Amino acid sequence: MKRTISMTVLNRPGVLNRITNLFSKRNFNIESISVGLTEQEGVSRITCVIHVESDRETEQITKQLNKQIDVLKVIDITDQAIVARELALIKVLSTPQTRNEIYSLIEPFRANVVDVGKDSIVIQITGEFEKIEAFIDLIRPYGIKELARTGTTAFPRATQRSEKEQKAISII
């Protein structure tokens, strides 16, 4: 099963290496990883999508991550209401004859053309993993020259209630 783990870490050299080594030592495959600065100076957010066999493994990896010196907070956000996005840049073969067809495919996905060349165009698309996969499958017959994707970036929605709040509501 896929799990999405979000963590805040101190922005120091070697932190990412230590975290990825922790996953590697325990034989967990990282399917997606995204790292970036947060609103707090000197703190970064790392979002990992990993494949695990059980909830026990998720609990184990979360505990191990929390033991890391530079890790401030670790949350498994898989079962929460989250905002999750990924970015893809796709260079597609494009002749004058196919260009209008490609533009008509781009519009429903709210993607943007960010570069136009003589024989290709570069498309930028953002959204959830499934949306990007669907777009790539749709555009593939035209010929993908290059493809670059970021990892998933995510955090809980603002309307998300904490477990304590949910339990309190269910008691009432």
N, C-alpha and C. Protein backbone atom coordinates (compact mmCIF):
# COMPACT_ATOMS: atom_id res chain seq x y z
N MET A 1 0.84 -1.18 0.00
CA MET A 1 0.00 0.00 0.00
C MET A 1 0.88 1.24 0.00
N LYS A 2 0.38 2.28 -0.65
CA LYS A 2 1.13 3.54 -0.70
C LYS A 2 0.80 4.37 0.53
N ARG A 3 1.81 4.99 1.08
CA ARG A 3 1.65 5.89 2.23
C ARG A 3 2.33 7.19 1.90
N THR A 4 1.73 8.31 2.30
CA THR A 4 2.33 9.62 2.12
C THR A 4 2.78 10.13 3.47
N ILE A 5 4.08 10.35 3.59
CA ILE A 5 4.69 10.80 4.83
C ILE A 5 5.18 12.23 4.62
N SER A 6 4.76 13.12 5.51
CA SER A 6 5.19 14.52 5.46
C SER A 6 6.05 14.78 6.69
N MET A 7 7.17 15.43 6.49
CA MET A 7 8.02 15.76 7.63
C MET A 7 8.64 17.14 7.45
N THR A 8 8.84 17.80 8.58
CA THR A 8 9.59 19.05 8.58
C THR A 8 10.94 18.74 9.19
N VAL A 9 11.96 19.31 8.58
CA VAL A 9 13.34 19.04 8.99
C VAL A 9 14.13 20.34 9.01
N LEU A 10 15.22 20.33 9.77
CA LEU A 10 16.13 21.47 9.72
C LEU A 10 16.84 21.44 8.38
N ASN A 11 16.99 22.59 7.77
CA ASN A 11 17.61 22.69 6.46
C ASN A 11 19.13 22.72 6.61
N ARG A 12 19.70 21.53 6.75
CA ARG A 12 21.15 21.39 6.95
C ARG A 12 21.72 20.38 5.96
N PRO A 13 23.03 20.48 5.67
CA PRO A 13 23.64 19.51 4.76
C PRO A 13 23.54 18.08 5.31
N GLY A 14 23.22 17.13 4.44
CA GLY A 14 23.21 15.73 4.81
C GLY A 14 21.89 15.20 5.35
N VAL A 15 20.93 16.08 5.64
CA VAL A 15 19.66 15.62 6.22
C VAL A 15 18.93 14.69 5.25
N LEU A 16 18.79 15.10 4.00
CA LEU A 16 18.09 14.28 3.02
C LEU A 16 18.79 12.92 2.84
N ASN A 17 20.11 12.95 2.82
CA ASN A 17 20.87 11.71 2.68
C ASN A 17 20.59 10.75 3.84
N ARG A 18 20.57 11.27 5.06
CA ARG A 18 20.31 10.42 6.23
C ARG A 18 18.89 9.85 6.19
N ILE A 19 17.95 10.64 5.75
CA ILE A 19 16.57 10.17 5.68
C ILE A 19 16.40 9.10 4.60
N THR A 20 16.95 9.33 3.42
CA THR A 20 16.82 8.33 2.36
C THR A 20 17.58 7.05 2.71
N ASN A 21 18.70 7.18 3.41
CA ASN A 21 19.42 5.98 3.87
C ASN A 21 18.58 5.17 4.84
N LEU A 22 17.82 5.86 5.69
CA LEU A 22 16.96 5.17 6.64
C LEU A 22 15.93 4.31 5.88
N PHE A 23 15.32 4.87 4.83
CA PHE A 23 14.38 4.11 4.02
C PHE A 23 15.09 2.92 3.35
N SER A 24 16.25 3.18 2.81
CA SER A 24 17.00 2.15 2.11
C SER A 24 17.40 0.99 3.03
N LYS A 25 17.90 1.31 4.21
CA LYS A 25 18.32 0.27 5.16
C LYS A 25 17.17 -0.65 5.54
N ARG A 26 15.96 -0.12 5.56
CA ARG A 26 14.80 -0.92 5.95
C ARG A 26 14.07 -1.48 4.74
N ASN A 27 14.69 -1.34 3.57
CA ASN A 27 14.19 -1.91 2.32
C ASN A 27 12.83 -1.34 1.89
N PHE A 28 12.61 -0.05 2.12
CA PHE A 28 11.42 0.64 1.66
C PHE A 28 11.76 1.37 0.37
N ASN A 29 10.88 1.26 -0.62
CA ASN A 29 11.09 1.96 -1.87
C ASN A 29 10.40 3.32 -1.81
N ILE A 30 11.14 4.37 -2.14
CA ILE A 30 10.56 5.71 -2.22
C ILE A 30 10.03 5.87 -3.64
N GLU A 31 8.71 5.99 -3.77
CA GLU A 31 8.11 6.17 -5.09
C GLU A 31 8.16 7.61 -5.54
N SER A 32 8.13 8.54 -4.58
CA SER A 32 8.16 9.96 -4.89
C SER A 32 8.74 10.68 -3.68
N ILE A 33 9.56 11.69 -3.95
CA ILE A 33 10.09 12.51 -2.86
C ILE A 33 10.17 13.95 -3.35
N SER A 34 9.76 14.84 -2.49
CA SER A 34 9.77 16.26 -2.81
C SER A 34 10.30 17.01 -1.60
N VAL A 35 11.20 17.95 -1.84
CA VAL A 35 11.80 18.72 -0.75
C VAL A 35 11.76 20.20 -1.12
N GLY A 36 11.41 21.04 -0.16
CA GLY A 36 11.41 22.47 -0.41
C GLY A 36 11.36 23.25 0.89
N LEU A 37 11.67 24.52 0.77
CA LEU A 37 11.65 25.40 1.93
C LEU A 37 10.23 25.60 2.43
N THR A 38 10.08 25.93 3.70
CA THR A 38 8.77 26.23 4.28
C THR A 38 8.69 27.71 4.59
N GLU A 39 7.61 28.10 5.24
CA GLU A 39 7.43 29.49 5.65
C GLU A 39 8.38 29.88 6.77
N GLN A 40 8.97 28.90 7.42
CA GLN A 40 9.88 29.13 8.55
C GLN A 40 11.33 29.05 8.06
N GLU A 41 12.10 30.07 8.32
CA GLU A 41 13.49 30.11 7.87
C GLU A 41 14.29 28.96 8.48
N GLY A 42 15.06 28.29 7.66
CA GLY A 42 15.91 27.20 8.13
C GLY A 42 15.20 25.86 8.27
N VAL A 43 13.94 25.79 7.83
CA VAL A 43 13.16 24.56 7.93
C VAL A 43 12.65 24.17 6.54
N SER A 44 12.78 22.89 6.20
CA SER A 44 12.28 22.38 4.92
C SER A 44 11.21 21.33 5.17
N ARG A 45 10.35 21.14 4.17
CA ARG A 45 9.34 20.08 4.22
C ARG A 45 9.74 19.01 3.22
N ILE A 46 9.71 17.77 3.66
CA ILE A 46 9.96 16.63 2.80
C ILE A 46 8.66 15.83 2.73
N THR A 47 8.21 15.56 1.52
CA THR A 47 7.04 14.72 1.33
C THR A 47 7.49 13.48 0.58
N CYS A 48 7.26 12.31 1.18
CA CYS A 48 7.65 11.04 0.57
C CYS A 48 6.41 10.18 0.34
N VAL A 49 6.34 9.57 -0.80
CA VAL A 49 5.34 8.54 -1.06
C VAL A 49 6.12 7.24 -1.09
N ILE A 50 5.77 6.33 -0.18
CA ILE A 50 6.49 5.05 -0.07
C ILE A 50 5.51 3.89 -0.20
N HIS A 51 6.05 2.75 -0.53
CA HIS A 51 5.24 1.53 -0.58
C HIS A 51 5.61 0.67 0.63
N VAL A 52 4.59 0.33 1.41
CA VAL A 52 4.78 -0.55 2.58
C VAL A 52 3.77 -1.68 2.51
N GLU A 53 4.04 -2.73 3.26
CA GLU A 53 3.15 -3.89 3.28
C GLU A 53 2.08 -3.79 4.36
N SER A 54 2.35 -3.05 5.45
CA SER A 54 1.41 -3.03 6.55
C SER A 54 1.47 -1.70 7.31
N ASP A 55 0.45 -1.49 8.15
CA ASP A 55 0.44 -0.31 9.02
C ASP A 55 1.58 -0.36 10.02
N ARG A 56 1.96 -1.56 10.40
CA ARG A 56 3.08 -1.74 11.34
C ARG A 56 4.38 -1.18 10.75
N GLU A 57 4.60 -1.41 9.46
CA GLU A 57 5.79 -0.88 8.80
C GLU A 57 5.75 0.65 8.75
N THR A 58 4.56 1.19 8.52
CA THR A 58 4.42 2.65 8.51
C THR A 58 4.75 3.22 9.88
N GLU A 59 4.24 2.59 10.91
CA GLU A 59 4.52 3.03 12.28
C GLU A 59 6.02 2.93 12.58
N GLN A 60 6.64 1.85 12.12
CA GLN A 60 8.08 1.65 12.34
C GLN A 60 8.90 2.76 11.67
N ILE A 61 8.60 3.05 10.43
CA ILE A 61 9.38 4.06 9.71
C ILE A 61 9.14 5.45 10.30
N THR A 62 7.91 5.72 10.74
CA THR A 62 7.61 7.01 11.37
C THR A 62 8.40 7.18 12.65
N LYS A 63 8.46 6.14 13.46
CA LYS A 63 9.23 6.20 14.71
C LYS A 63 10.71 6.40 14.43
N GLN A 64 11.24 5.71 13.43
CA GLN A 64 12.65 5.83 13.09
C GLN A 64 12.97 7.24 12.58
N LEU A 65 12.07 7.80 11.80
CA LEU A 65 12.28 9.16 11.30
C LEU A 65 12.28 10.17 12.45
N ASN A 66 11.37 9.97 13.40
CA ASN A 66 11.30 10.88 14.55
C ASN A 66 12.57 10.85 15.40
N LYS A 67 13.33 9.78 15.34
CA LYS A 67 14.56 9.66 16.11
C LYS A 67 15.72 10.43 15.48
N GLN A 68 15.56 10.81 14.22
CA GLN A 68 16.63 11.55 13.53
C GLN A 68 16.78 12.94 14.15
N ILE A 69 18.02 13.35 14.34
CA ILE A 69 18.32 14.61 15.04
C ILE A 69 17.70 15.82 14.34
N ASP A 70 17.81 15.91 13.03
CA ASP A 70 17.36 17.10 12.31
C ASP A 70 15.88 17.06 11.91
N VAL A 71 15.17 15.99 12.27
CA VAL A 71 13.75 15.87 11.95
C VAL A 71 12.94 16.52 13.06
N LEU A 72 12.09 17.49 12.69
CA LEU A 72 11.28 18.20 13.68
C LEU A 72 9.93 17.54 13.90
N LYS A 73 9.28 17.09 12.80
CA LYS A 73 7.95 16.50 12.92
C LYS A 73 7.71 15.55 11.75
N VAL A 74 7.07 14.42 12.03
CA VAL A 74 6.73 13.43 11.01
C VAL A 74 5.25 13.11 11.12
N ILE A 75 4.55 13.13 9.99
CA ILE A 75 3.12 12.81 9.99
C ILE A 75 2.82 11.91 8.79
N ASP A 76 2.09 10.82 9.04
CA ASP A 76 1.55 10.01 7.95
C ASP A 76 0.22 10.65 7.58
N ILE A 77 0.17 11.29 6.42
CA ILE A 77 -1.03 12.05 6.03
C ILE A 77 -1.90 11.28 5.04
N THR A 78 -1.61 10.03 4.82
CA THR A 78 -2.32 9.24 3.82
C THR A 78 -3.83 9.24 4.02
N ASP A 79 -4.29 9.05 5.24
CA ASP A 79 -5.72 8.90 5.51
C ASP A 79 -6.40 10.21 5.87
N GLN A 80 -5.71 11.32 5.71
CA GLN A 80 -6.28 12.63 6.00
C GLN A 80 -6.76 13.29 4.71
N ALA A 81 -7.60 14.29 4.85
CA ALA A 81 -7.96 15.12 3.70
C ALA A 81 -6.75 16.01 3.44
N ILE A 82 -6.16 15.86 2.27
CA ILE A 82 -4.92 16.59 1.98
C ILE A 82 -5.04 17.37 0.68
N VAL A 83 -4.15 18.33 0.54
CA VAL A 83 -3.93 19.02 -0.72
C VAL A 83 -2.62 18.44 -1.24
N ALA A 84 -2.67 17.80 -2.40
CA ALA A 84 -1.49 17.16 -2.97
C ALA A 84 -1.34 17.58 -4.42
N ARG A 85 -0.14 17.96 -4.80
CA ARG A 85 0.12 18.38 -6.17
C ARG A 85 1.46 17.83 -6.65
N GLU A 86 1.52 17.68 -7.95
CA GLU A 86 2.74 17.27 -8.62
C GLU A 86 2.85 18.14 -9.87
N LEU A 87 4.04 18.33 -10.38
CA LEU A 87 4.27 19.12 -11.58
C LEU A 87 4.96 18.25 -12.61
N ALA A 88 4.55 18.37 -13.85
CA ALA A 88 5.23 17.67 -14.95
C ALA A 88 5.49 18.65 -16.08
N LEU A 89 6.66 18.54 -16.67
CA LEU A 89 7.01 19.25 -17.90
C LEU A 89 7.14 18.18 -18.98
N ILE A 90 6.42 18.35 -20.08
CA ILE A 90 6.40 17.34 -21.12
C ILE A 90 6.72 17.99 -22.46
N LYS A 91 7.80 17.53 -23.08
CA LYS A 91 8.13 18.01 -24.43
C LYS A 91 7.52 17.02 -25.42
N VAL A 92 6.60 17.53 -26.24
CA VAL A 92 5.84 16.69 -27.17
C VAL A 92 6.17 17.08 -28.60
N LEU A 93 6.34 16.07 -29.46
CA LEU A 93 6.52 16.33 -30.89
C LEU A 93 5.28 17.05 -31.40
N SER A 94 5.50 18.08 -32.18
CA SER A 94 4.37 18.88 -32.65
C SER A 94 4.67 19.45 -34.04
N THR A 95 3.89 19.02 -34.99
CA THR A 95 3.98 19.58 -36.34
C THR A 95 2.86 20.61 -36.48
N PRO A 96 2.92 21.45 -37.49
CA PRO A 96 1.82 22.41 -37.68
C PRO A 96 0.45 21.72 -37.80
N GLN A 97 0.44 20.49 -38.34
CA GLN A 97 -0.82 19.77 -38.52
C GLN A 97 -1.38 19.25 -37.19
N THR A 98 -0.51 18.89 -36.25
CA THR A 98 -0.98 18.30 -34.98
C THR A 98 -1.10 19.32 -33.85
N ARG A 99 -0.57 20.49 -34.06
CA ARG A 99 -0.53 21.49 -32.97
C ARG A 99 -1.92 21.84 -32.42
N ASN A 100 -2.89 22.05 -33.31
CA ASN A 100 -4.25 22.38 -32.85
C ASN A 100 -4.88 21.24 -32.06
N GLU A 101 -4.63 20.01 -32.50
CA GLU A 101 -5.14 18.85 -31.76
C GLU A 101 -4.56 18.80 -30.36
N ILE A 102 -3.28 19.04 -30.25
CA ILE A 102 -2.61 19.01 -28.95
C ILE A 102 -3.15 20.12 -28.05
N TYR A 103 -3.34 21.31 -28.62
CA TYR A 103 -3.90 22.41 -27.82
C TYR A 103 -5.30 22.06 -27.31
N SER A 104 -6.08 21.35 -28.09
CA SER A 104 -7.43 20.97 -27.65
C SER A 104 -7.38 19.94 -26.52
N LEU A 105 -6.32 19.15 -26.45
CA LEU A 105 -6.16 18.20 -25.34
C LEU A 105 -5.68 18.89 -24.07
N ILE A 106 -4.90 19.94 -24.24
CA ILE A 106 -4.32 20.67 -23.10
C ILE A 106 -5.40 21.41 -22.31
N GLU A 107 -6.32 22.02 -23.00
CA GLU A 107 -7.31 22.90 -22.35
C GLU A 107 -8.12 22.23 -21.23
N PRO A 108 -8.72 21.05 -21.43
CA PRO A 108 -9.51 20.45 -20.34
C PRO A 108 -8.69 20.10 -19.09
N PHE A 109 -7.40 19.90 -19.27
CA PHE A 109 -6.54 19.55 -18.14
C PHE A 109 -5.95 20.78 -17.45
N ARG A 110 -6.30 21.96 -17.96
CA ARG A 110 -5.78 23.22 -17.42
C ARG A 110 -4.25 23.25 -17.42
N ALA A 111 -3.68 22.67 -18.43
CA ALA A 111 -2.24 22.68 -18.59
C ALA A 111 -1.86 23.94 -19.39
N ASN A 112 -0.57 24.24 -19.42
CA ASN A 112 -0.09 25.43 -20.14
C ASN A 112 1.05 25.06 -21.07
N VAL A 113 1.09 25.73 -22.19
CA VAL A 113 2.24 25.61 -23.08
C VAL A 113 3.25 26.64 -22.60
N VAL A 114 4.45 26.19 -22.25
CA VAL A 114 5.46 27.10 -21.71
C VAL A 114 6.62 27.34 -22.68
N ASP A 115 6.66 26.56 -23.78
CA ASP A 115 7.70 26.78 -24.79
C ASP A 115 7.23 26.17 -26.11
N VAL A 116 7.50 26.87 -27.19
CA VAL A 116 7.14 26.38 -28.51
C VAL A 116 8.38 26.38 -29.38
N GLY A 117 8.65 25.24 -29.99
CA GLY A 117 9.77 25.12 -30.91
C GLY A 117 9.26 24.78 -32.30
N LYS A 118 10.20 24.60 -33.24
CA LYS A 118 9.83 24.30 -34.62
C LYS A 118 9.12 22.95 -34.73
N ASP A 119 9.60 21.96 -33.97
CA ASP A 119 9.02 20.62 -34.08
C ASP A 119 8.51 20.05 -32.75
N SER A 120 8.39 20.92 -31.74
CA SER A 120 7.91 20.44 -30.44
C SER A 120 7.33 21.58 -29.62
N ILE A 121 6.56 21.20 -28.60
CA ILE A 121 6.09 22.16 -27.61
C ILE A 121 6.33 21.57 -26.23
N VAL A 122 6.51 22.45 -25.24
CA VAL A 122 6.69 22.00 -23.86
C VAL A 122 5.42 22.39 -23.10
N ILE A 123 4.84 21.39 -22.45
CA ILE A 123 3.60 21.56 -21.71
C ILE A 123 3.89 21.43 -20.23
N GLN A 124 3.30 22.33 -19.45
CA GLN A 124 3.40 22.28 -17.99
C GLN A 124 2.03 21.89 -17.45
N ILE A 125 1.98 20.87 -16.61
CA ILE A 125 0.73 20.45 -16.00
C ILE A 125 0.95 20.22 -14.51
N THR A 126 0.01 20.69 -13.71
CA THR A 126 0.07 20.45 -12.27
C THR A 126 -1.23 19.79 -11.84
N GLY A 127 -1.14 19.03 -10.77
CA GLY A 127 -2.33 18.38 -10.24
C GLY A 127 -1.97 17.13 -9.47
N GLU A 128 -2.97 16.34 -9.19
CA GLU A 128 -2.75 15.09 -8.48
C GLU A 128 -2.15 14.07 -9.43
N PHE A 129 -1.51 13.07 -8.87
CA PHE A 129 -0.80 12.04 -9.62
C PHE A 129 -1.66 11.46 -10.74
N GLU A 130 -2.90 11.11 -10.43
CA GLU A 130 -3.79 10.46 -11.40
C GLU A 130 -4.10 11.37 -12.59
N LYS A 131 -4.27 12.66 -12.33
CA LYS A 131 -4.54 13.61 -13.41
C LYS A 131 -3.36 13.68 -14.37
N ILE A 132 -2.16 13.74 -13.82
CA ILE A 132 -0.97 13.82 -14.66
C ILE A 132 -0.78 12.53 -15.46
N GLU A 133 -1.02 11.39 -14.82
CA GLU A 133 -0.92 10.10 -15.53
C GLU A 133 -1.91 10.05 -16.68
N ALA A 134 -3.14 10.50 -16.45
CA ALA A 134 -4.17 10.50 -17.50
C ALA A 134 -3.75 11.39 -18.68
N PHE A 135 -3.19 12.55 -18.37
CA PHE A 135 -2.76 13.46 -19.43
C PHE A 135 -1.60 12.86 -20.23
N ILE A 136 -0.66 12.26 -19.55
CA ILE A 136 0.48 11.64 -20.24
C ILE A 136 0.00 10.52 -21.16
N ASP A 137 -0.93 9.70 -20.69
CA ASP A 137 -1.48 8.63 -21.53
C ASP A 137 -2.16 9.20 -22.77
N LEU A 138 -2.84 10.32 -22.61
CA LEU A 138 -3.57 10.95 -23.71
C LEU A 138 -2.62 11.58 -24.74
N ILE A 139 -1.52 12.14 -24.26
CA ILE A 139 -0.60 12.87 -25.15
C ILE A 139 0.47 11.94 -25.76
N ARG A 140 0.66 10.78 -25.16
CA ARG A 140 1.71 9.85 -25.61
C ARG A 140 1.68 9.53 -27.11
N PRO A 141 0.52 9.31 -27.73
CA PRO A 141 0.52 8.99 -29.17
C PRO A 141 1.15 10.06 -30.07
N TYR A 142 1.24 11.27 -29.60
CA TYR A 142 1.85 12.34 -30.40
C TYR A 142 3.37 12.28 -30.36
N GLY A 143 3.92 11.56 -29.39
CA GLY A 143 5.36 11.40 -29.27
C GLY A 143 5.95 12.28 -28.19
N ILE A 144 6.27 11.69 -27.07
CA ILE A 144 6.90 12.42 -25.97
C ILE A 144 8.41 12.37 -26.17
N LYS A 145 9.03 13.56 -26.33
CA LYS A 145 10.48 13.62 -26.50
C LYS A 145 11.19 13.60 -25.15
N GLU A 146 10.64 14.34 -24.18
CA GLU A 146 11.21 14.41 -22.84
C GLU A 146 10.08 14.56 -21.83
N LEU A 147 10.35 14.06 -20.63
CA LEU A 147 9.37 14.15 -19.55
C LEU A 147 10.13 14.33 -18.24
N ALA A 148 9.73 15.34 -17.47
CA ALA A 148 10.32 15.57 -16.15
C ALA A 148 9.17 15.80 -15.17
N ARG A 149 9.23 15.08 -14.03
CA ARG A 149 8.18 15.21 -13.02
C ARG A 149 8.79 15.49 -11.67
N THR A 150 8.07 16.29 -10.90
CA THR A 150 8.46 16.49 -9.51
C THR A 150 7.83 15.38 -8.70
N GLY A 151 8.20 15.28 -7.46
CA GLY A 151 7.51 14.35 -6.57
C GLY A 151 6.25 15.03 -6.06
N THR A 152 5.43 14.25 -5.38
CA THR A 152 4.21 14.78 -4.78
C THR A 152 4.56 15.70 -3.61
N THR A 153 3.93 16.85 -3.57
CA THR A 153 4.03 17.75 -2.44
C THR A 153 2.64 17.83 -1.82
N ALA A 154 2.56 17.66 -0.50
CA ALA A 154 1.23 17.60 0.12
C ALA A 154 1.29 18.03 1.58
N PHE A 155 0.14 18.49 2.07
CA PHE A 155 -0.08 18.67 3.50
C PHE A 155 -1.57 18.66 3.78
N PRO A 156 -1.96 18.49 5.04
CA PRO A 156 -3.39 18.39 5.37
C PRO A 156 -4.15 19.66 5.00
N ARG A 157 -5.40 19.49 4.63
CA ARG A 157 -6.27 20.62 4.32
C ARG A 157 -6.54 21.43 5.58
N ALA A 158 -6.87 22.67 5.39
CA ALA A 158 -7.16 23.57 6.52
C ALA A 158 -8.41 23.13 7.27
N THR A 159 -9.33 22.46 6.60
CA THR A 159 -10.58 22.04 7.24
C THR A 159 -10.45 20.71 7.97
N GLN A 160 -9.27 20.13 7.93
CA GLN A 160 -9.04 18.83 8.57
C GLN A 160 -9.16 18.95 10.08
N ARG A 161 -9.94 18.07 10.68
CA ARG A 161 -10.06 18.03 12.13
C ARG A 161 -9.03 17.07 12.70
N SER A 162 -8.54 17.38 13.87
CA SER A 162 -7.61 16.49 14.54
C SER A 162 -8.36 15.26 15.03
N GLU A 163 -7.63 14.19 15.35
CA GLU A 163 -8.24 12.97 15.87
C GLU A 163 -9.00 13.25 17.16
N LYS A 164 -8.45 14.10 18.03
CA LYS A 164 -9.11 14.44 19.29
C LYS A 164 -10.45 15.11 19.02
N GLU A 165 -10.49 16.05 18.05
CA GLU A 165 -11.73 16.74 17.72
C GLU A 165 -12.76 15.76 17.16
N GLN A 166 -12.32 14.83 16.30
CA GLN A 166 -13.23 13.86 15.72
C GLN A 166 -13.81 12.94 16.79
N LYS A 167 -12.98 12.50 17.74
CA LYS A 167 -13.46 11.65 18.83
C LYS A 167 -14.44 12.39 19.72
N ALA A 168 -14.16 13.67 19.99
CA ALA A 168 -15.04 14.48 20.82
C ALA A 168 -16.41 14.65 20.16
N ILE A 169 -16.40 14.84 18.86
CA ILE A 169 -17.66 15.00 18.12
C ILE A 169 -18.45 13.69 18.12
N SER A 170 -17.77 12.56 17.96
CA SER A 170 -18.46 11.28 17.93
C SER A 170 -19.05 10.92 19.28
N ILE A 171 -18.49 11.42 20.37
CA ILE A 171 -19.00 11.16 21.72
C ILE A 171 -20.28 11.94 21.96
N ILE A 172 -20.33 13.15 21.42
CA ILE A 172 -21.49 14.03 21.60
C ILE A 172 -22.61 13.50 20.81
